[in-house]
PDB file of N, CA and C in Angstrom:
ATOM      1  N   MET A   1       0.626  -1.065   0.002  1.00  0.00           N
ATOM      2  CA  MET A   1       0.127  -0.253   0.022  1.00  0.00           C
ATOM      3  C   MET A   1       0.971   1.188  -0.009  1.00  0.00           C
ATOM      4  N   PRO A   2       0.525   2.091  -0.606  1.00  0.00           N
ATOM      5  CA  PRO A   2       1.264   3.524  -0.815  1.00  0.00           C
ATOM      6  C   PRO A   2       1.433   4.178   0.607  1.00  0.00           C
ATOM      7  N   ASP A   3       2.481   4.595   0.737  1.00  0.00           N
ATOM      8  CA  ASP A   3       2.695   5.504   1.962  1.00  0.00           C
ATOM      9  C   ASP A   3       2.069   6.471   1.898  1.00  0.00           C
ATOM     10  N   GLN A   4       0.880   6.882   1.717  1.00  0.00           N
ATOM     11  CA  GLN A   4       0.392   8.179   1.866  1.00  0.00           C
ATOM     12  C   GLN A   4      -1.084   7.821   2.455  1.00  0.00           C
ATOM     13  N   LEU A   5      -1.290   9.175   3.052  1.00  0.00           N
ATOM     14  CA  LEU A   5      -2.637   9.126   3.749  1.00  0.00           C
ATOM     15  C   LEU A   5      -4.142   8.759   2.746  1.00  0.00           C
ATOM     16  N   VAL A   6      -4.000   9.352   1.460  1.00  0.00           N
ATOM     17  CA  VAL A   6      -5.145   9.705   0.488  1.00  0.00           C
ATOM     18  C   VAL A   6      -4.538   9.030  -0.694  1.00  0.00           C
ATOM     19  N   LEU A   7      -4.933   8.537  -1.382  1.00  0.00           N
ATOM     20  CA  LEU A   7      -4.953   7.827  -2.749  1.00  0.00           C
ATOM     21  C   LEU A   7      -5.589   8.934  -3.735  1.00  0.00           C
ATOM     22  N   TRP A   8      -4.789  10.203  -4.372  1.00  0.00           N
ATOM     23  CA  TRP A   8      -5.028  11.257  -4.796  1.00  0.00           C
ATOM     24  C   TRP A   8      -5.185  10.558  -6.424  1.00  0.00           C
ATOM     25  N   MET A   9      -6.217  10.997  -7.323  1.00  0.00           N
ATOM     26  CA  MET A   9      -5.614  10.599  -8.865  1.00  0.00           C
ATOM     27  C   MET A   9      -4.894  11.037  -9.385  1.00  0.00           C
ATOM     28  N   HIS A  10      -4.452  12.155  -9.134  1.00  0.00           N
ATOM     29  CA  HIS A  10      -3.391  12.848  -9.710  1.00  0.00           C
ATOM     30  C   HIS A  10      -1.775  12.881  -8.907  1.00  0.00           C
ATOM     31  N   ASP A  11      -1.750  12.036  -7.980  1.00  0.00           N
ATOM     32  CA  ASP A  11      -0.676  12.384  -7.269  1.00  0.00           C
ATOM     33  C   ASP A  11      -0.474  13.259  -6.122  1.00  0.00           C
ATOM     34  N   ALA A  12      -1.417  14.103  -6.393  1.00  0.00           N
ATOM     35  CA  ALA A  12      -1.478  15.309  -5.257  1.00  0.00           C
ATOM     36  C   ALA A  12      -2.822  16.144  -5.168  1.00  0.00           C
ATOM     37  N   PRO A  13      -2.797  16.462  -4.074  1.00  0.00           N
ATOM     38  CA  PRO A  13      -4.288  17.101  -3.597  1.00  0.00           C
ATOM     39  C   PRO A  13      -4.819  18.243  -4.642  1.00  0.00           C
ATOM     40  N   PRO A  14      -5.989  18.734  -4.837  1.00  0.00           N
ATOM     41  CA  PRO A  14      -6.291  19.675  -5.551  1.00  0.00           C
ATOM     42  C   PRO A  14      -6.628  21.057  -4.668  1.00  0.00           C
ATOM     43  N   GLU A  15      -6.712  22.098  -5.258  1.00  0.00           N
ATOM     44  CA  GLU A  15      -6.870  23.214  -4.324  1.00  0.00           C
ATOM     45  C   GLU A  15      -8.269  23.189  -3.961  1.00  0.00           C
ATOM     46  N   PRO A  16      -8.715  23.525  -2.620  1.00  0.00           N
ATOM     47  CA  PRO A  16      -9.880  23.774  -2.277  1.00  0.00           C
ATOM     48  C   PRO A  16     -10.308  24.908  -3.302  1.00  0.00           C
ATOM     49  N   PRO A  17     -11.698  24.967  -3.161  1.00  0.00           N
ATOM     50  CA  PRO A  17     -12.668  23.844  -2.418  1.00  0.00           C
ATOM     51  C   PRO A  17     -12.935  22.748  -3.574  1.00  0.00           C
ATOM     52  N   TYR A  18     -13.069  21.742  -2.892  1.00  0.00           N
ATOM     53  CA  TYR A  18     -13.681  20.657  -3.594  1.00  0.00           C
ATOM     54  C   TYR A  18     -14.608  19.732  -2.379  1.00  0.00           C
ATOM     55  N   TYR A  19     -15.167  18.608  -2.892  1.00  0.00           N
ATOM     56  CA  TYR A  19     -16.299  18.065  -2.106  1.00  0.00           C
ATOM     57  C   TYR A  19     -15.751  16.296  -1.298  1.00  0.00           C
ATOM     58  N   ALA A  20     -16.175  16.079  -0.253  1.00  0.00           N
ATOM     59  CA  ALA A  20     -15.776  14.624   0.435  1.00  0.00           C
ATOM     60  C   ALA A  20     -17.270  14.145   0.613  1.00  0.00           C
ATOM     61  N   THR A  21     -17.170  12.995   0.160  1.00  0.00           N
ATOM     62  CA  THR A  21     -18.314  12.300   0.931  1.00  0.00           C
ATOM     63  C   THR A  21     -17.585  11.309   2.034  1.00  0.00           C
ATOM     64  N   VAL A  22     -18.299  11.094   2.953  1.00  0.00           N
ATOM     65  CA  VAL A  22     -17.875  10.056   4.075  1.00  0.00           C
ATOM     66  C   VAL A  22     -18.822   9.054   4.107  1.00  0.00           C
ATOM     67  N   PHE A  23     -18.428   8.081   4.120  1.00  0.00           N
ATOM     68  CA  PHE A  23     -19.531   6.670   4.014  1.00  0.00           C
ATOM     69  C   PHE A  23     -18.781   5.806   5.573  1.00  0.00           C
ATOM     70  N   SER A  24     -19.293   5.637   6.650  1.00  0.00           N
ATOM     71  CA  SER A  24     -18.810   5.076   7.735  1.00  0.00           C
ATOM     72  C   SER A  24     -20.174   3.850   8.012  1.00  0.00           C
ATOM     73  N   SER A  25     -19.362   2.674   7.900  1.00  0.00           N
ATOM     74  CA  SER A  25     -20.485   1.530   8.211  1.00  0.00           C
ATOM     75  C   SER A  25     -19.987   0.514   9.102  1.00  0.00           C
ATOM     76  N   VAL A  26     -20.889  -0.342   9.405  1.00  0.00           N
ATOM     77  CA  VAL A  26     -20.749  -1.392  10.206  1.00  0.00           C
ATOM     78  C   VAL A  26     -21.413  -2.545   9.581  1.00  0.00           C
ATOM     79  N   LYS A  27     -20.252  -3.833   8.962  1.00  0.00           N
ATOM     80  CA  LYS A  27     -20.705  -4.719   8.154  1.00  0.00           C
ATOM     81  C   LYS A  27     -21.307  -5.851   9.044  1.00  0.00           C
ATOM     82  N   ARG A  28     -22.301  -6.669   8.055  1.00  0.00           N
ATOM     83  CA  ARG A  28     -22.473  -7.595   8.931  1.00  0.00           C
ATOM     84  C   ARG A  28     -21.760  -9.260   7.942  1.00  0.00           C
ATOM     85  N   ASP A  29     -21.789 -10.147   8.844  1.00  0.00           N
ATOM     86  CA  ASP A  29     -20.944 -11.399   8.317  1.00  0.00           C
ATOM     87  C   ASP A  29     -21.917 -12.512   8.229  1.00  0.00           C
ATOM     88  N   PRO A  30     -21.635 -13.316   7.413  1.00  0.00           N
ATOM     89  CA  PRO A  30     -21.154 -13.202   6.515  1.00  0.00           C
ATOM     90  C   PRO A  30     -21.602 -12.419   5.244  1.00  0.00           C
ATOM     91  N   ARG A  31     -20.831 -11.891   4.300  1.00  0.00           N
ATOM     92  CA  ARG A  31     -21.375 -11.008   3.374  1.00  0.00           C
ATOM     93  C   ARG A  31     -20.751 -11.684   1.639  1.00  0.00           C
ATOM     94  N   PRO A  32     -21.618 -12.639   1.346  1.00  0.00           N
ATOM     95  CA  PRO A  32     -20.817 -13.204   0.127  1.00  0.00           C
ATOM     96  C   PRO A  32     -20.980 -12.118  -0.730  1.00  0.00           C
ATOM     97  N   GLY A  33     -20.012 -12.246  -1.637  1.00  0.00           N
ATOM     98  CA  GLY A  33     -20.392 -11.189  -2.968  1.00  0.00           C
ATOM     99  C   GLY A  33     -19.642  -9.882  -2.665  1.00  0.00           C
ATOM    100  N   TYR A  34     -19.370  -9.464  -1.273  1.00  0.00           N
ATOM    101  CA  TYR A  34     -19.220  -8.031  -1.034  1.00  0.00           C
ATOM    102  C   TYR A  34     -17.850  -7.704  -1.804  1.00  0.00           C
ATOM    103  N   ASP A  35     -16.533  -8.552  -1.312  1.00  0.00           N
ATOM    104  CA  ASP A  35     -15.560  -8.122  -1.868  1.00  0.00           C
ATOM    105  C   ASP A  35     -15.323  -8.021  -3.211  1.00  0.00           C
ATOM    106  N   ALA A  36     -15.943  -8.729  -4.251  1.00  0.00           N
ATOM    107  CA  ALA A  36     -16.183  -8.520  -5.399  1.00  0.00           C
ATOM    108  C   ALA A  36     -16.789  -7.399  -6.183  1.00  0.00           C
ATOM    109  N   MET A  37     -17.713  -6.874  -5.310  1.00  0.00           N
ATOM    110  CA  MET A  37     -18.726  -5.912  -5.433  1.00  0.00           C
ATOM    111  C   MET A  37     -17.371  -4.210  -5.388  1.00  0.00           C
ATOM    112  N   ASP A  38     -16.804  -4.579  -4.136  1.00  0.00           N
ATOM    113  CA  ASP A  38     -15.904  -3.380  -3.971  1.00  0.00           C
ATOM    114  C   ASP A  38     -14.968  -3.484  -4.742  1.00  0.00           C
ATOM    115  N   GLU A  39     -14.075  -4.362  -5.329  1.00  0.00           N
ATOM    116  CA  GLU A  39     -13.435  -4.173  -6.119  1.00  0.00           C
ATOM    117  C   GLU A  39     -13.949  -3.624  -7.459  1.00  0.00           C
ATOM    118  N   ALA A  40     -15.224  -4.122  -7.953  1.00  0.00           N
ATOM    119  CA  ALA A  40     -15.831  -3.549  -9.177  1.00  0.00           C
ATOM    120  C   ALA A  40     -16.117  -1.998  -9.198  1.00  0.00           C
ATOM    121  N   THR A  41     -16.662  -1.816  -8.054  1.00  0.00           N
ATOM    122  CA  THR A  41     -17.141  -0.299  -7.910  1.00  0.00           C
ATOM    123  C   THR A  41     -15.801   0.593  -7.677  1.00  0.00           C
ATOM    124  N   MET A  42     -14.996   0.053  -7.311  1.00  0.00           N
ATOM    125  CA  MET A  42     -13.469   0.883  -6.761  1.00  0.00           C
ATOM    126  C   MET A  42     -12.965   1.326  -8.558  1.00  0.00           C
ATOM    127  N   ARG A  43     -13.078   0.281  -9.211  1.00  0.00           N
ATOM    128  CA  ARG A  43     -12.495   0.549 -10.446  1.00  0.00           C
ATOM    129  C   ARG A  43     -13.473   1.585 -11.410  1.00  0.00           C
ATOM    130  N   ALA A  44     -14.793   1.207 -11.332  1.00  0.00           N
ATOM    131  CA  ALA A  44     -15.665   2.168 -12.018  1.00  0.00           C
ATOM    132  C   ALA A  44     -15.581   3.574 -11.661  1.00  0.00           C
ATOM    133  N   VAL A  45     -15.534   3.840  -9.991  1.00  0.00           N
ATOM    134  CA  VAL A  45     -15.247   5.217  -9.506  1.00  0.00           C
ATOM    135  C   VAL A  45     -14.271   5.862 -10.076  1.00  0.00           C
ATOM    136  N   THR A  46     -13.076   5.292 -10.198  1.00  0.00           N
ATOM    137  CA  THR A  46     -11.742   5.699 -10.839  1.00  0.00           C
ATOM    138  C   THR A  46     -12.002   6.543 -12.283  1.00  0.00           C
ATOM    139  N   GLU A  47     -12.924   5.565 -13.006  1.00  0.00           N
ATOM    140  CA  GLU A  47     -12.897   6.256 -14.258  1.00  0.00           C
ATOM    141  C   GLU A  47     -14.234   7.128 -14.599  1.00  0.00           C
ATOM    142  N   LEU A  48     -14.595   7.448 -13.319  1.00  0.00           N
ATOM    143  CA  LEU A  48     -15.522   8.800 -13.482  1.00  0.00           C
ATOM    144  C   LEU A  48     -15.189  10.051 -13.557  1.00  0.00           C
ATOM    145  N   GLU A  49     -15.612  10.810 -14.480  1.00  0.00           N
ATOM    146  CA  GLU A  49     -15.272  12.443 -14.559  1.00  0.00           C
ATOM    147  C   GLU A  49     -15.421  12.989 -12.975  1.00  0.00           C
ATOM    148  N   GLY A  50     -14.434  13.672 -12.324  1.00  0.00           N
ATOM    149  CA  GLY A  50     -14.880  14.303 -11.370  1.00  0.00           C
ATOM    150  C   GLY A  50     -14.169  13.731 -10.056  1.00  0.00           C
ATOM    151  N   TYR A  51     -13.996  12.536 -10.271  1.00  0.00           N
ATOM    152  CA  TYR A  51     -13.586  11.680  -8.888  1.00  0.00           C
ATOM    153  C   TYR A  51     -11.782  12.170  -8.872  1.00  0.00           C
ATOM    154  N   LEU A  52     -11.721  12.528  -7.434  1.00  0.00           N
ATOM    155  CA  LEU A  52     -10.378  12.940  -6.943  1.00  0.00           C
ATOM    156  C   LEU A  52      -9.281  11.888  -6.264  1.00  0.00           C
ATOM    157  N   GLY A  53      -9.835  11.124  -5.415  1.00  0.00           N
ATOM    158  CA  GLY A  53      -9.179  10.399  -4.650  1.00  0.00           C
ATOM    159  C   GLY A  53     -10.138   9.558  -3.721  1.00  0.00           C
ATOM    160  N   HIS A  54      -9.359   8.877  -2.489  1.00  0.00           N
ATOM    161  CA  HIS A  54     -10.214   8.531  -1.496  1.00  0.00           C
ATOM    162  C   HIS A  54      -9.155   7.851  -0.470  1.00  0.00           C
ATOM    163  N   GLN A  55      -9.582   7.755   0.795  1.00  0.00           N
ATOM    164  CA  GLN A  55      -8.904   7.063   1.840  1.00  0.00           C
ATOM    165  C   GLN A  55      -9.966   5.996   2.404  1.00  0.00           C
ATOM    166  N   VAL A  56      -9.325   5.439   3.118  1.00  0.00           N
ATOM    167  CA  VAL A  56     -10.459   4.194   3.835  1.00  0.00           C
ATOM    168  C   VAL A  56      -9.553   3.715   5.139  1.00  0.00           C
ATOM    169  N   VAL A  57     -10.220   3.653   5.986  1.00  0.00           N
ATOM    170  CA  VAL A  57      -9.890   2.758   7.355  1.00  0.00           C
ATOM    171  C   VAL A  57     -10.844   1.733   7.834  1.00  0.00           C
ATOM    172  N   HIS A  58     -10.083   0.552   7.929  1.00  0.00           N
ATOM    173  CA  HIS A  58     -10.999  -0.845   8.243  1.00  0.00           C
ATOM    174  C   HIS A  58     -10.434  -0.995   9.941  1.00  0.00           C
ATOM    175  N   HIS A  59     -11.751  -1.199  10.640  1.00  0.00           N
ATOM    176  CA  HIS A  59     -11.157  -1.874  12.028  1.00  0.00           C
ATOM    177  C   HIS A  59     -12.187  -3.008  12.409  1.00  0.00           C
ATOM    178  N   GLY A  60     -11.694  -3.831  12.243  1.00  0.00           N
ATOM    179  CA  GLY A  60     -12.647  -5.229  12.227  1.00  0.00           C
ATOM    180  C   GLY A  60     -13.873  -4.885  11.288  1.00  0.00           C
ATOM    181  N   ASP A  61     -15.405  -4.985  11.723  1.00  0.00           N
ATOM    182  CA  ASP A  61     -16.613  -4.892  10.804  1.00  0.00           C
ATOM    183  C   ASP A  61     -16.692  -3.714  10.698  1.00  0.00           C
ATOM    184  N   ARG A  62     -16.192  -2.570  11.198  1.00  0.00           N
ATOM    185  CA  ARG A  62     -16.413  -0.969  10.843  1.00  0.00           C
ATOM    186  C   ARG A  62     -15.240  -0.498   9.680  1.00  0.00           C
ATOM    187  N   SER A  63     -16.107   0.397   8.822  1.00  0.00           N
ATOM    188  CA  SER A  63     -15.000   1.116   7.758  1.00  0.00           C
ATOM    189  C   SER A  63     -15.373   2.408   7.766  1.00  0.00           C
ATOM    190  N   LEU A  64     -14.445   3.430   7.628  1.00  0.00           N
ATOM    191  CA  LEU A  64     -15.024   4.671   7.277  1.00  0.00           C
ATOM    192  C   LEU A  64     -14.223   4.993   5.795  1.00  0.00           C
ATOM    193  N   PHE A  65     -14.676   5.238   4.710  1.00  0.00           N
ATOM    194  CA  PHE A  65     -14.313   5.392   3.577  1.00  0.00           C
ATOM    195  C   PHE A  65     -14.728   7.053   2.968  1.00  0.00           C
ATOM    196  N   ILE A  66     -13.956   7.545   2.537  1.00  0.00           N
ATOM    197  CA  ILE A  66     -13.801   9.376   2.182  1.00  0.00           C
ATOM    198  C   ILE A  66     -13.440   9.282   0.795  1.00  0.00           C
ATOM    199  N   ALA A  67     -14.490   9.289   0.014  1.00  0.00           N
ATOM    200  CA  ALA A  67     -13.948   9.698  -1.513  1.00  0.00           C
ATOM    201  C   ALA A  67     -14.018  11.375  -1.578  1.00  0.00           C
ATOM    202  N   TYR A  68     -13.343  11.946  -2.805  1.00  0.00           N
ATOM    203  CA  TYR A  68     -12.976  13.374  -2.792  1.00  0.00           C
ATOM    204  C   TYR A  68     -13.635  13.857  -4.201  1.00  0.00           C
ATOM    205  N   TRP A  69     -14.327  14.453  -4.357  1.00  0.00           N
ATOM    206  CA  TRP A  69     -14.979  14.970  -5.431  1.00  0.00           C
ATOM    207  C   TRP A  69     -15.004  16.353  -5.994  1.00  0.00           C
ATOM    208  N   ARG A  70     -14.695  16.854  -7.230  1.00  0.00           N
ATOM    209  CA  ARG A  70     -14.432  18.009  -8.049  1.00  0.00           C
ATOM    210  C   ARG A  70     -15.533  18.874  -7.717  1.00  0.00           C
ATOM    211  N   ASP A  71     -16.889  18.359  -7.900  1.00  0.00           N
ATOM    212  CA  ASP A  71     -18.165  19.327  -7.640  1.00  0.00           C
ATOM    213  C   ASP A  71     -19.174  18.302  -7.245  1.00  0.00           C
ATOM    214  N   LEU A  72     -20.444  18.778  -6.955  1.00  0.00           N
ATOM    215  CA  LEU A  72     -21.731  18.389  -6.356  1.00  0.00           C
ATOM    216  C   LEU A  72     -22.057  17.246  -7.428  1.00  0.00           C
ATOM    217  N   GLU A  73     -21.964  17.854  -8.907  1.00  0.00           N
ATOM    218  CA  GLU A  73     -22.129  17.089 -10.257  1.00  0.00           C
ATOM    219  C   GLU A  73     -21.682  15.782 -10.435  1.00  0.00           C
ATOM    220  N   ALA A  74     -20.594  16.008 -10.033  1.00  0.00           N
ATOM    221  CA  ALA A  74     -19.955  14.155  -9.891  1.00  0.00           C
ATOM    222  C   ALA A  74     -20.366  13.421  -9.009  1.00  0.00           C
ATOM    223  N   ILE A  75     -20.504  13.991  -7.666  1.00  0.00           N
ATOM    224  CA  ILE A  75     -21.175  13.210  -6.586  1.00  0.00           C
ATOM    225  C   ILE A  75     -22.432  12.539  -6.934  1.00  0.00           C
ATOM    226  N   ASP A  76     -23.461  13.366  -7.672  1.00  0.00           N
ATOM    227  CA  ASP A  76     -24.800  13.025  -8.296  1.00  0.00           C
ATOM    228  C   ASP A  76     -24.539  12.213  -9.223  1.00  0.00           C
ATOM    229  N   ALA A  77     -23.151  11.959 -10.385  1.00  0.00           N
ATOM    230  CA  ALA A  77     -23.101  10.809 -11.219  1.00  0.00           C
ATOM    231  C   ALA A  77     -22.621   9.714 -10.620  1.00  0.00           C
ATOM    232  N   TRP A  78     -22.144   9.728  -9.906  1.00  0.00           N
ATOM    233  CA  TRP A  78     -21.805   8.351  -9.299  1.00  0.00           C
ATOM    234  C   TRP A  78     -23.113   7.862  -8.353  1.00  0.00           C
ATOM    235  N   ARG A  79     -23.774   8.713  -7.778  1.00  0.00           N
ATOM    236  CA  ARG A  79     -25.267   8.170  -6.977  1.00  0.00           C
ATOM    237  C   ARG A  79     -26.252   7.482  -8.087  1.00  0.00           C
ATOM    238  N   GLU A  80     -25.661   8.198  -9.197  1.00  0.00           N
ATOM    239  CA  GLU A  80     -26.943   7.462 -10.609  1.00  0.00           C
ATOM    240  C   GLU A  80     -26.016   6.465 -11.117  1.00  0.00           C
ATOM    241  N   HIS A  81     -24.905   6.314 -11.032  1.00  0.00           N
ATOM    242  CA  HIS A  81     -24.154   5.132 -11.525  1.00  0.00           C
ATOM    243  C   HIS A  81     -24.746   3.798 -11.627  1.00  0.00           C
ATOM    244  N   THR A  82     -25.179   3.042 -12.342  1.00  0.00           N
ATOM    245  CA  THR A  82     -25.896   1.622 -12.016  1.00  0.00           C
ATOM    246  C   THR A  82     -25.229   1.036 -11.242  1.00  0.00           C
ATOM    247  N   LEU A  83     -23.874   0.537 -11.323  1.00  0.00           N
ATOM    248  CA  LEU A  83     -23.040  -0.250 -10.649  1.00  0.00           C
ATOM    249  C   LEU A  83     -23.222   0.136  -9.110  1.00  0.00           C
ATOM    250  N   HIS A  84     -23.104   1.301  -9.049  1.00  0.00           N
ATOM    251  CA  HIS A  84     -23.359   1.975  -7.647  1.00  0.00           C
ATOM    252  C   HIS A  84     -24.413   1.573  -6.976  1.00  0.00           C
ATOM    253  N   ARG A  85     -25.577   1.992  -7.932  1.00  0.00           N
ATOM    254  CA  ARG A  85     -26.935   1.726  -7.394  1.00  0.00           C
ATOM    255  C   ARG A  85     -27.297   0.123  -7.197  1.00  0.00           C
ATOM    256  N   MET A  86     -26.609  -0.649  -7.728  1.00  0.00           N
ATOM    257  CA  MET A  86     -26.627  -2.020  -7.201  1.00  0.00           C
ATOM    258  C   MET A  86     -25.951  -2.365  -6.358  1.00  0.00           C
ATOM    259  N   ALA A  87     -24.976  -1.843  -5.890  1.00  0.00           N
ATOM    260  CA  ALA A  87     -24.055  -2.308  -4.489  1.00  0.00           C
ATOM    261  C   ALA A  87     -24.968  -1.644  -3.419  1.00  0.00           C
ATOM    262  N   LYS A  88     -25.339  -0.526  -3.524  1.00  0.00           N
ATOM    263  CA  LYS A  88     -26.089   0.144  -2.519  1.00  0.00           C
ATOM    264  C   LYS A  88     -27.523  -0.719  -2.060  1.00  0.00           C
ATOM    265  N   GLU A  89     -28.166  -1.282  -3.258  1.00  0.00           N
ATOM    266  CA  GLU A  89     -29.080  -2.105  -2.721  1.00  0.00           C
ATOM    267  C   GLU A  89     -28.789  -3.345  -2.226  1.00  0.00           C
ATOM    268  N   LYS A  90     -27.546  -3.853  -2.552  1.00  0.00           N
ATOM    269  CA  LYS A  90     -27.281  -5.240  -1.790  1.00  0.00           C
ATOM    270  C   LYS A  90     -26.973  -5.132  -0.513  1.00  0.00           C
ATOM    271  N   GLY A  91     -25.940  -3.580  -0.293  1.00  0.00           N
ATOM    272  CA  GLY A  91     -25.571  -3.305   0.469  1.00  0.00           C
ATOM    273  C   GLY A  91     -26.468  -3.112   1.761  1.00  0.00           C
ATOM    274  N   ARG A  92     -27.908  -2.428   1.416  1.00  0.00           N
ATOM    275  CA  ARG A  92     -28.954  -2.722   2.267  1.00  0.00           C
ATOM    276  C   ARG A  92     -29.698  -3.825   2.852  1.00  0.00           C
ATOM    277  N   SER A  93     -29.777  -4.737   2.017  1.00  0.00           N
ATOM    278  CA  SER A  93     -30.528  -5.916   1.867  1.00  0.00           C
ATOM    279  C   SER A  93     -29.463  -7.101   2.349  1.00  0.00           C
ATOM    280  N   ASP A  94     -27.832  -7.003   2.450  1.00  0.00           N
ATOM    281  CA  ASP A  94     -27.154  -8.238   2.701  1.00  0.00           C
ATOM    282  C   ASP A  94     -26.161  -7.817   3.710  1.00  0.00           C
ATOM    283  N   TRP A  95     -25.402  -6.759   3.058  1.00  0.00           N
ATOM    284  CA  TRP A  95     -24.069  -6.821   3.600  1.00  0.00           C
ATOM    285  C   TRP A  95     -23.458  -5.864   4.797  1.00  0.00           C
ATOM    286  N   TYR A  96     -24.727  -4.853   5.306  1.00  0.00           N
ATOM    287  CA  TYR A  96     -24.286  -3.951   6.309  1.00  0.00           C
ATOM    288  C   TYR A  96     -25.342  -4.060   7.424  1.00  0.00           C
ATOM    289  N   GLN A  97     -24.951  -3.876   8.525  1.00  0.00           N
ATOM    290  CA  GLN A  97     -26.006  -3.710   9.650  1.00  0.00           C
ATOM    291  C   GLN A  97     -26.306  -2.417   9.710  1.00  0.00           C
ATOM    292  N   ARG A  98     -25.195  -0.972   9.370  1.00  0.00           N
ATOM    293  CA  ARG A  98     -26.074   0.268   9.838  1.00  0.00           C
ATOM    294  C   ARG A  98     -24.816   1.235   8.730  1.00  0.00           C
ATOM    295  N   TYR A  99     -25.137   2.319   8.213  1.00  0.00           N
ATOM    296  CA  TYR A  99     -24.101   2.944   7.698  1.00  0.00           C
ATOM    297  C   TYR A  99     -24.793   4.712   7.632  1.00  0.00           C
ATOM    298  N   ARG A 100     -23.674   5.242   7.409  1.00  0.00           N
ATOM    299  CA  ARG A 100     -24.073   6.870   7.601  1.00  0.00           C
ATOM    300  C   ARG A 100     -23.319   7.352   6.292  1.00  0.00           C
ATOM    301  N   PHE A 101     -24.095   8.621   5.728  1.00  0.00           N
ATOM    302  CA  PHE A 101     -23.369   8.832   4.639  1.00  0.00           C
ATOM    303  C   PHE A 101     -23.756  10.467   4.881  1.00  0.00           C
ATOM    304  N   GLU A 102     -22.520  11.137   4.380  1.00  0.00           N
ATOM    305  CA  GLU A 102     -22.593  12.629   4.667  1.00  0.00           C
ATOM    306  C   GLU A 102     -21.831  13.063   3.490  1.00  0.00           C
ATOM    307  N   ILE A 103     -22.188  14.231   3.041  1.00  0.00           N
ATOM    308  CA  ILE A 103     -21.437  15.147   1.913  1.00  0.00           C
ATOM    309  C   ILE A 103     -20.912  16.261   2.580  1.00  0.00           C
ATOM    310  N   CYS A 104     -19.683  16.836   2.489  1.00  0.00           N
ATOM    311  CA  CYS A 104     -19.318  17.743   3.117  1.00  0.00           C
ATOM    312  C   CYS A 104     -18.334  18.520   1.976  1.00  0.00           C
ATOM    313  N   ARG A 105     -18.392  20.060   2.061  1.00  0.00           N
ATOM    314  CA  ARG A 105     -17.311  21.007   1.343  1.00  0.00           C
ATOM    315  C   ARG A 105     -16.272  21.240   1.926  1.00  0.00           C
ATOM    316  N   VAL A 106     -15.069  21.082   1.286  1.00  0.00           N
ATOM    317  CA  VAL A 106     -13.601  21.238   2.161  1.00  0.00           C
ATOM    318  C   VAL A 106     -13.084  22.322   1.431  1.00  0.00           C
ATOM    319  N   GLU A 107     -13.195  23.426   2.137  1.00  0.00           N
ATOM    320  CA  GLU A 107     -12.918  24.868   2.327  1.00  0.00           C
ATOM    321  C   GLU A 107     -11.473  25.009   2.394  1.00  0.00           C
ATOM    322  N   GLN A 108     -10.724  23.999   3.036  1.00  0.00           N
ATOM    323  CA  GLN A 108      -9.360  24.252   3.375  1.00  0.00           C
ATOM    324  C   GLN A 108      -8.714  22.947   3.609  1.00  0.00           C
ATOM    325  N   ALA A 109      -7.566  22.646   2.959  1.00  0.00           N
ATOM    326  CA  ALA A 109      -6.767  21.649   3.475  1.00  0.00           C
ATOM    327  C   ALA A 109      -5.314  21.621   3.545  1.00  0.00           C
ATOM    328  N   ALA A 110      -4.858  21.345   4.742  1.00  0.00           N
ATOM    329  CA  ALA A 110      -3.399  21.307   5.182  1.00  0.00           C
ATOM    330  C   ALA A 110      -2.604  19.935   5.323  1.00  0.00           C
ATOM    331  N   GLU A 111      -1.402  19.873   5.049  1.00  0.00           N
ATOM    332  CA  GLU A 111      -0.924  18.452   5.373  1.00  0.00           C
ATOM    333  C   GLU A 111       0.514  18.488   5.954  1.00  0.00           C
ATOM    334  N   PHE A 112       0.791  17.803   6.714  1.00  0.00           N
ATOM    335  CA  PHE A 112       2.177  17.772   7.487  1.00  0.00           C
ATOM    336  C   PHE A 112       2.752  16.673   7.358  1.00  0.00           C
ATOM    337  N   GLU A 113       4.094  16.286   7.056  1.00  0.00           N
ATOM    338  CA  GLU A 113       4.921  15.406   6.846  1.00  0.00           C
ATOM    339  C   GLU A 113       6.199  15.457   7.666  1.00  0.00           C
ATOM    340  N   ARG A 114       6.866  14.746   8.745  1.00  0.00           N
ATOM    341  CA  ARG A 114       8.032  14.665   9.338  1.00  0.00           C
ATOM    342  C   ARG A 114       9.203  14.422   8.260  1.00  0.00           C
ATOM    343  N   PRO A 115      10.207  15.247   7.836  1.00  0.00           N
ATOM    344  CA  PRO A 115      11.269  14.916   7.185  1.00  0.00           C
ATOM    345  C   PRO A 115      12.069  13.420   8.056  1.00  0.00           C
ATOM    346  N   GLU A 116      12.588  12.284   7.329  1.00  0.00           N
ATOM    347  CA  GLU A 116      13.355  11.367   7.674  1.00  0.00           C
ATOM    348  C   GLU A 116      14.821  11.921   8.524  1.00  0.00           C
TER     349      GLU A 116
END
């Protein structure tokens, strides 16, 4: 895994403002088909115009996934994407115990890295 906090599409963060979608979840077990759908949706989202990058943290059955977007139109395009709609439907019926979704506008961003 790359030694960076966010996997940006163009190896560097964009200048604000941009948007973030925050998806926090608790998964059920077992969840057949989840990993394959996760891989497929990640491939699809990276091809979407306006997708900037993402970061994800897992802890047991809990996950926090933050995706970054150029604008609200890009978020809407992903929301309406056929594969994403299928994943959401399957997630509600089979894979998730609960989840929360938020959209945030990033007005300012800063980063620090200690030199070696």
